[in-house]
Amino acid sequence: MKIEIDKVKKKQLDLSESEPASHFPALVAMEKAGECVFTAPVNAAVTAIWEYDHVRAAGKVESAVRLTCSRCLTEYDYSVSSDFTIFYTESKGEELDEEVELSDEELISATYSGDEIDMDPEIAEQVALEVPYKPLCSESCRGLCPECGADLNAGECGCDRGEINLKMAALKKIKIEK
């Protein structure tokens, strides 16, 4: 998705696109790393407005992914949706070598150079930020039995999982003579 600077200076632009996840290198990298599998295209709708000396791009991205639960290893589908606002300012070509504290507005800003703004990296970033780092099929997921590996969400497996505190397990072996 590209925003043409000359057009946005004259009037508000309403843009939308639907691209497969394979169009975005960052999302392809997520799939290759095994983090998720995209099951729907990435849909983006953006409204771009020229304000003073910058472009304000506000929009929404949506997609769907298949994740593997980090507790029970069950695959499940998850909807990804994110509203965002990004302020684009023209790059002045200066680089900072020192550490500086960024304001809240600087955290949601980006720079551009040339006659158009390519929003693909920011769209991919918004999708990637919404994919859970430790996916859970549900908050009440009980996971797998540490003894036999059975899915405890399906029912009890019958193993004796006496509440052993592993931090204190070594003390169980100590024999104290009186």
Protein backbone atom coordinates (compact mmCIF):
# COMPACT_ATOMS: atom_id res chain seq x y z
CA MET A 1 0.00 0.00 0.00
CA LYS A 2 1.48 3.30 -1.06
CA ILE A 3 0.50 6.84 -0.12
CA GLU A 4 1.37 9.43 -2.77
CA ILE A 5 2.51 12.64 -1.09
CA ASP A 6 1.20 15.00 -3.81
CA LYS A 7 -2.29 13.48 -3.62
CA VAL A 8 -2.52 13.47 0.17
CA LYS A 9 -1.48 17.14 0.33
CA LYS A 10 -4.55 18.01 -1.78
CA LYS A 11 -7.18 15.81 -0.11
CA GLN A 12 -7.78 12.94 2.27
CA LEU A 13 -6.95 9.51 0.83
CA ASP A 14 -8.94 6.39 1.71
CA LEU A 15 -6.95 3.29 0.78
CA SER A 16 -7.57 -0.40 1.20
CA GLU A 17 -5.83 -3.58 0.13
CA SER A 18 -5.99 -7.30 0.64
CA GLU A 19 -2.69 -9.16 0.23
CA PRO A 20 -1.61 -12.69 1.12
CA ALA A 21 0.79 -12.97 4.06
CA SER A 22 3.49 -14.04 1.59
CA HIS A 23 3.54 -10.41 0.33
CA PHE A 24 5.10 -9.28 3.63
CA PRO A 25 8.66 -10.56 4.36
CA ALA A 26 8.24 -10.16 8.14
CA LEU A 27 5.15 -12.39 8.13
CA VAL A 28 6.89 -14.99 5.92
CA ALA A 29 9.70 -15.07 8.50
CA MET A 30 7.14 -15.70 11.27
CA GLU A 31 5.72 -18.66 9.35
CA LYS A 32 9.20 -20.09 8.65
CA ALA A 33 10.06 -19.79 12.35
CA GLY A 34 6.97 -21.89 13.16
CA GLU A 35 5.27 -19.14 15.17
CA CYS A 36 2.01 -19.37 13.20
CA VAL A 37 0.39 -20.14 9.86
CA PHE A 38 -1.62 -17.41 8.16
CA THR A 39 -5.03 -18.75 7.10
CA ALA A 40 -6.46 -15.53 5.65
CA PRO A 41 -5.12 -12.61 3.66
CA VAL A 42 -4.01 -9.42 5.41
CA ASN A 43 -6.73 -6.82 4.93
CA ALA A 44 -5.77 -3.20 5.52
CA ALA A 45 -7.85 -0.02 5.37
CA VAL A 46 -6.08 3.31 5.85
CA THR A 47 -7.14 6.95 5.86
CA ALA A 48 -4.26 9.34 5.16
CA ILE A 49 -4.46 13.08 5.89
CA TRP A 50 -1.89 15.85 5.46
CA GLU A 51 -1.47 17.78 8.73
CA TYR A 52 0.95 20.72 9.01
CA ASP A 53 4.25 19.08 8.01
CA HIS A 54 3.40 15.39 8.28
CA VAL A 55 1.03 12.67 7.08
CA ARG A 56 -1.28 11.05 9.61
CA ALA A 57 -2.23 7.52 8.57
CA ALA A 58 -4.95 5.91 10.67
CA GLY A 59 -6.26 2.48 9.86
CA LYS A 60 -7.07 -1.08 10.71
CA VAL A 61 -5.49 -4.41 9.76
CA GLU A 62 -7.16 -7.82 10.00
CA SER A 63 -6.10 -11.38 9.29
CA ALA A 64 -6.38 -14.87 10.76
CA VAL A 65 -3.73 -17.31 11.93
CA ARG A 66 -3.49 -20.90 13.11
CA LEU A 67 -1.51 -21.18 16.34
CA THR A 68 -0.30 -24.04 18.51
CA CYS A 69 -1.23 -23.78 22.19
CA SER A 70 1.91 -23.48 24.33
CA ARG A 71 0.37 -25.66 27.08
CA CYS A 72 -1.48 -28.51 25.35
CA LEU A 73 -0.01 -28.31 21.79
CA THR A 74 -3.49 -28.18 20.21
CA GLU A 75 -3.84 -26.13 17.04
CA TYR A 76 -6.51 -23.43 17.03
CA ASP A 77 -7.55 -20.47 14.88
CA TYR A 78 -7.09 -16.90 16.07
CA SER A 79 -8.36 -13.64 14.56
CA VAL A 80 -5.89 -10.79 14.30
CA SER A 81 -7.19 -7.22 14.35
CA SER A 82 -5.42 -3.97 15.14
CA ASP A 83 -6.29 -0.27 14.93
CA PHE A 84 -3.30 2.02 14.47
CA THR A 85 -2.19 5.59 13.82
CA ILE A 86 1.21 6.45 12.38
CA PHE A 87 2.66 9.91 11.78
CA TYR A 88 5.01 10.12 8.77
CA THR A 89 7.50 12.98 8.58
CA GLU A 90 9.94 13.64 5.78
CA SER A 91 13.41 12.26 6.45
CA LYS A 92 16.01 14.94 6.92
CA GLY A 93 18.90 12.53 6.42
CA GLU A 94 20.37 13.02 9.89
CA GLU A 95 21.25 10.04 12.03
CA LEU A 96 21.56 10.04 15.79
CA ASP A 97 24.60 8.33 17.29
CA GLU A 98 23.64 8.94 20.89
CA GLU A 99 20.81 7.50 22.94
CA VAL A 100 17.79 9.77 23.27
CA GLU A 101 14.47 9.34 25.02
CA LEU A 102 11.52 9.19 22.64
CA SER A 103 8.22 10.90 23.34
CA ASP A 104 4.89 9.08 22.94
CA GLU A 105 4.35 10.73 19.56
CA GLU A 106 7.81 9.69 18.34
CA LEU A 107 7.03 6.07 19.21
CA ILE A 108 4.20 6.05 16.66
CA SER A 109 6.03 7.95 13.96
CA ALA A 110 8.09 6.98 10.94
CA THR A 111 9.99 8.81 8.26
CA TYR A 112 9.66 8.77 4.50
CA SER A 113 11.71 10.04 1.60
CA GLY A 114 10.70 10.59 -1.97
CA ASP A 115 7.26 11.04 -3.49
CA GLU A 116 5.43 8.18 -1.77
CA ILE A 117 5.18 6.26 1.47
CA ASP A 118 5.30 2.46 1.40
CA MET A 119 3.15 1.29 4.31
CA ASP A 120 3.83 -2.45 3.90
CA PRO A 121 6.43 -2.67 6.72
CA GLU A 122 4.11 -0.91 9.17
CA ILE A 123 1.13 -3.08 8.15
CA ALA A 124 3.20 -6.24 8.69
CA GLU A 125 4.40 -4.88 12.03
CA GLN A 126 0.82 -4.27 13.21
CA VAL A 127 -0.14 -7.85 12.34
CA ALA A 128 2.98 -9.30 13.98
CA LEU A 129 2.35 -7.35 17.20
CA GLU A 130 -1.12 -8.91 17.52
CA VAL A 131 0.06 -12.54 17.24
CA PRO A 132 0.46 -13.85 20.82
CA TYR A 133 4.00 -14.69 21.95
CA LYS A 134 2.80 -17.59 24.13
CA PRO A 135 -0.48 -18.69 22.52
CA LEU A 136 -3.15 -20.30 24.68
CA CYS A 137 -6.19 -22.10 23.28
CA SER A 138 -8.11 -20.87 26.37
CA GLU A 139 -7.28 -19.24 29.70
CA SER A 140 -8.40 -22.41 31.47
CA CYS A 141 -6.13 -24.75 29.43
CA ARG A 142 -4.73 -27.44 31.74
CA GLY A 143 -1.89 -28.48 29.45
CA LEU A 144 -0.28 -31.91 29.22
CA CYS A 145 0.43 -34.44 31.97
CA PRO A 146 4.16 -34.28 32.86
CA GLU A 147 4.17 -38.06 33.44
CA CYS A 148 2.43 -39.56 30.38
CA GLY A 149 1.85 -36.55 28.07
CA ALA A 150 -1.95 -36.90 27.95
CA ASP A 151 -4.05 -33.82 27.21
CA LEU A 152 -5.56 -32.89 30.59
CA ASN A 153 -8.29 -30.83 28.88
CA ALA A 154 -9.80 -34.09 27.60
CA GLY A 155 -9.89 -35.60 31.09
CA GLU A 156 -7.71 -37.01 33.82
CA CYS A 157 -5.11 -39.58 32.75
CA GLY A 158 -4.82 -41.50 36.04
CA CYS A 159 -1.15 -40.71 36.70
CA ASP A 160 -0.06 -39.92 40.25
CA ARG A 161 0.99 -36.33 39.97
CA GLY A 162 1.36 -35.76 43.71
CA GLU A 163 1.98 -32.10 44.28
CA ILE A 164 5.77 -32.24 44.41
CA ASN A 165 7.57 -28.95 44.64
CA LEU A 166 10.56 -29.51 42.36
CA LYS A 167 12.53 -26.85 44.19
CA MET A 168 12.43 -28.95 47.36
CA ALA A 169 12.63 -32.43 45.74
CA ALA A 170 16.35 -32.79 46.53
CA LEU A 171 15.64 -32.35 50.26
CA LYS A 172 13.41 -35.44 50.19
CA LYS A 173 16.49 -37.65 49.82
CA ILE A 174 18.32 -36.28 52.87
CA LYS A 175 18.50 -38.63 55.87
CA ILE A 176 18.94 -36.95 59.23
CA GLU A 177 20.31 -39.11 62.06
CA LYS A 178 19.48 -38.26 65.67
